[in-house]
Structure formats: structure tokens, C-alpha cells
C-alpha atoms as a PDB file:
ATOM      1  CA  UNK A   1      29.406  13.392 -33.598  1.00  0.00           C
ATOM      2  CA  UNK A   2      29.875   9.904 -31.763  1.00  0.00           C
ATOM      3  CA  UNK A   3      33.232  10.920 -29.949  1.00  0.00           C
ATOM      4  CA  UNK A   4      34.171   7.269 -29.306  1.00  0.00           C
ATOM      5  CA  UNK A   5      33.732   6.474 -33.050  1.00  0.00           C
ATOM      6  CA  UNK A   6      36.004   9.053 -33.779  1.00  0.00           C
ATOM      7  CA  UNK A   7      38.528   8.368 -31.346  1.00  0.00           C
ATOM      8  CA  UNK A   8      38.445   4.273 -32.525  1.00  0.00           C
ATOM      9  CA  UNK A   9      38.772   5.744 -36.072  1.00  0.00           C
ATOM     10  CA  UNK A  10      42.085   7.597 -35.084  1.00  0.00           C
ATOM     11  CA  UNK A  11      43.344   5.160 -32.724  1.00  0.00           C
ATOM     12  CA  UNK A  12      42.977   2.556 -36.160  1.00  0.00           C
ATOM     13  CA  UNK A  13      45.122   5.092 -38.520  1.00  0.00           C
ATOM     14  CA  UNK A  14      47.676   5.807 -35.874  1.00  0.00           C
ATOM     15  CA  UNK A  15      48.206   2.241 -35.549  1.00  0.00           C
ATOM     16  CA  UNK A  16      47.905   1.231 -39.303  1.00  0.00           C
ATOM     17  CA  UNK A  17      49.617   4.504 -41.096  1.00  0.00           C
ATOM     18  CA  UNK A  18      52.826   5.049 -39.852  1.00  0.00           C
ATOM     19  CA  UNK A  19      53.077   8.626 -41.869  1.00  0.00           C
ATOM     20  CA  UNK A  20      49.722   9.205 -40.245  1.00  0.00           C
ATOM     21  CA  UNK A  21      50.986   8.237 -36.917  1.00  0.00           C
ATOM     22  CA  UNK A  22      54.344  10.598 -37.094  1.00  0.00           C
ATOM     23  CA  UNK A  23      52.166  13.459 -37.855  1.00  0.00           C
ATOM     24  CA  UNK A  24      50.029  12.606 -35.096  1.00  0.00           C
ATOM     25  CA  UNK A  25      52.709  13.106 -32.651  1.00  0.00           C
ATOM     26  CA  UNK A  26      54.197  16.280 -34.198  1.00  0.00           C
ATOM     27  CA  UNK A  27      51.030  18.102 -34.498  1.00  0.00           C
ATOM     28  CA  UNK A  28      47.934  16.171 -33.555  1.00  0.00           C
ATOM     29  CA  UNK A  29      45.011  18.945 -33.470  1.00  0.00           C
ATOM     30  CA  UNK A  30      46.034  19.097 -37.810  1.00  0.00           C
ATOM     31  CA  UNK A  31      46.062  15.031 -37.714  1.00  0.00           C
ATOM     32  CA  UNK A  32      42.629  14.937 -36.038  1.00  0.00           C
ATOM     33  CA  UNK A  33      41.102  17.245 -38.077  1.00  0.00           C
ATOM     34  CA  UNK A  34      42.585  15.566 -41.209  1.00  0.00           C
ATOM     35  CA  UNK A  35      40.104  12.395 -39.902  1.00  0.00           C
ATOM     36  CA  UNK A  36      37.550  14.410 -38.954  1.00  0.00           C
ATOM     37  CA  UNK A  37      37.172  16.364 -41.873  1.00  0.00           C
ATOM     38  CA  UNK A  38      36.123  19.118 -40.521  1.00  0.00           C
ATOM     39  CA  UNK A  39      37.719  21.947 -38.031  1.00  0.00           C
ATOM     40  CA  UNK A  40      35.964  22.117 -34.490  1.00  0.00           C
ATOM     41  CA  UNK A  41      37.247  24.126 -31.511  1.00  0.00           C
ATOM     42  CA  UNK A  42      40.350  22.947 -29.663  1.00  0.00           C
ATOM     43  CA  UNK A  43      38.982  22.073 -26.483  1.00  0.00           C
ATOM     44  CA  UNK A  44      36.870  19.167 -28.742  1.00  0.00           C
ATOM     45  CA  UNK A  45      39.598  17.917 -30.374  1.00  0.00           C
ATOM     46  CA  UNK A  46      42.037  18.027 -27.419  1.00  0.00           C
ATOM     47  CA  UNK A  47      39.279  15.542 -25.635  1.00  0.00           C
ATOM     48  CA  UNK A  48      39.873  13.297 -28.588  1.00  0.00           C
ATOM     49  CA  UNK A  49      43.323  13.072 -29.075  1.00  0.00           C
ATOM     50  CA  UNK A  50      43.253  12.710 -24.998  1.00  0.00           C
ATOM     51  CA  UNK A  51      41.175   9.922 -25.530  1.00  0.00           C
ATOM     52  CA  UNK A  52      43.218   8.606 -28.361  1.00  0.00           C
ATOM     53  CA  UNK A  53      46.617   8.763 -26.617  1.00  0.00           C
ATOM     54  CA  UNK A  54      44.555   6.930 -23.792  1.00  0.00           C
ATOM     55  CA  UNK A  55      43.279   4.054 -25.892  1.00  0.00           C
ATOM     56  CA  UNK A  56      46.758   3.482 -27.309  1.00  0.00           C
ATOM     57  CA  UNK A  57      48.863   3.310 -24.318  1.00  0.00           C
ATOM     58  CA  UNK A  58      46.132   0.634 -22.726  1.00  0.00           C
ATOM     59  CA  UNK A  59      46.311  -1.237 -26.102  1.00  0.00           C
ATOM     60  CA  UNK A  60      50.025  -1.062 -25.418  1.00  0.00           C
ATOM     61  CA  UNK A  61      49.971  -2.064 -22.161  1.00  0.00           C
ATOM     62  CA  UNK A  62      47.807  -4.964 -22.812  1.00  0.00           C
ATOM     63  CA  UNK A  63      49.870  -6.093 -25.535  1.00  0.00           C
ATOM     64  CA  UNK A  64      53.137  -6.371 -23.078  1.00  0.00           C
ATOM     65  CA  UNK A  65      50.939  -7.847 -20.843  1.00  0.00           C
ATOM     66  CA  UNK A  66      49.263 -10.512 -22.937  1.00  0.00           C
ATOM     67  CA  UNK A  67      52.592 -11.254 -24.008  1.00  0.00           C
ATOM     68  CA  UNK A  68      53.668 -12.204 -20.395  1.00  0.00           C
ATOM     69  CA  UNK A  69      51.198 -14.797 -19.748  1.00  0.00           C
ATOM     70  CA  UNK A  70      50.624 -15.671 -23.387  1.00  0.00           C
ATOM     71  CA  UNK A  71      51.138 -19.294 -23.604  1.00  0.00           C
ATOM     72  CA  UNK A  72      54.968 -19.325 -24.685  1.00  0.00           C
ATOM     73  CA  UNK A  73      56.351 -22.167 -22.824  1.00  0.00           C
END
């Protein structure tokens, strides 16, 4: 399993599906299992959850910083 690809898949679903984003916020393990389609050990899923949260936070920060320098004259 390509963990990075799965993290990207979950990030895209969180960003594009409000219902899934709410589920991820409330029950991240169940939400990730839903996307993966398999039942993995909690440790493996927690690594994916941490990766998703980190990626979402980094992209949010980039968006905010980009807005500061983004040609709004």
C-alpha cells in the first residue's frame, strides 16, 4: 500500500466532501477505513491520520501566506 497516495486520497476527500470532512473530524479512524476500504491496525491508520492532518495544516498555511503576497494591489 502506498501510504503517501492514501494520505493524498483522504486529503482530497476531506477538502471536497463536507460530510466526509465532518466524519474525519469526529471519527478519523472510521473515516480513513472508509476511504481505504480495508480494516487496518489502529497504529497504521493513526499514521495516515497524522499525515492527513499535517498535510491539511501545511496547505492551509500556504494558502494564507500566499494571500499575503498574492498580487492584490
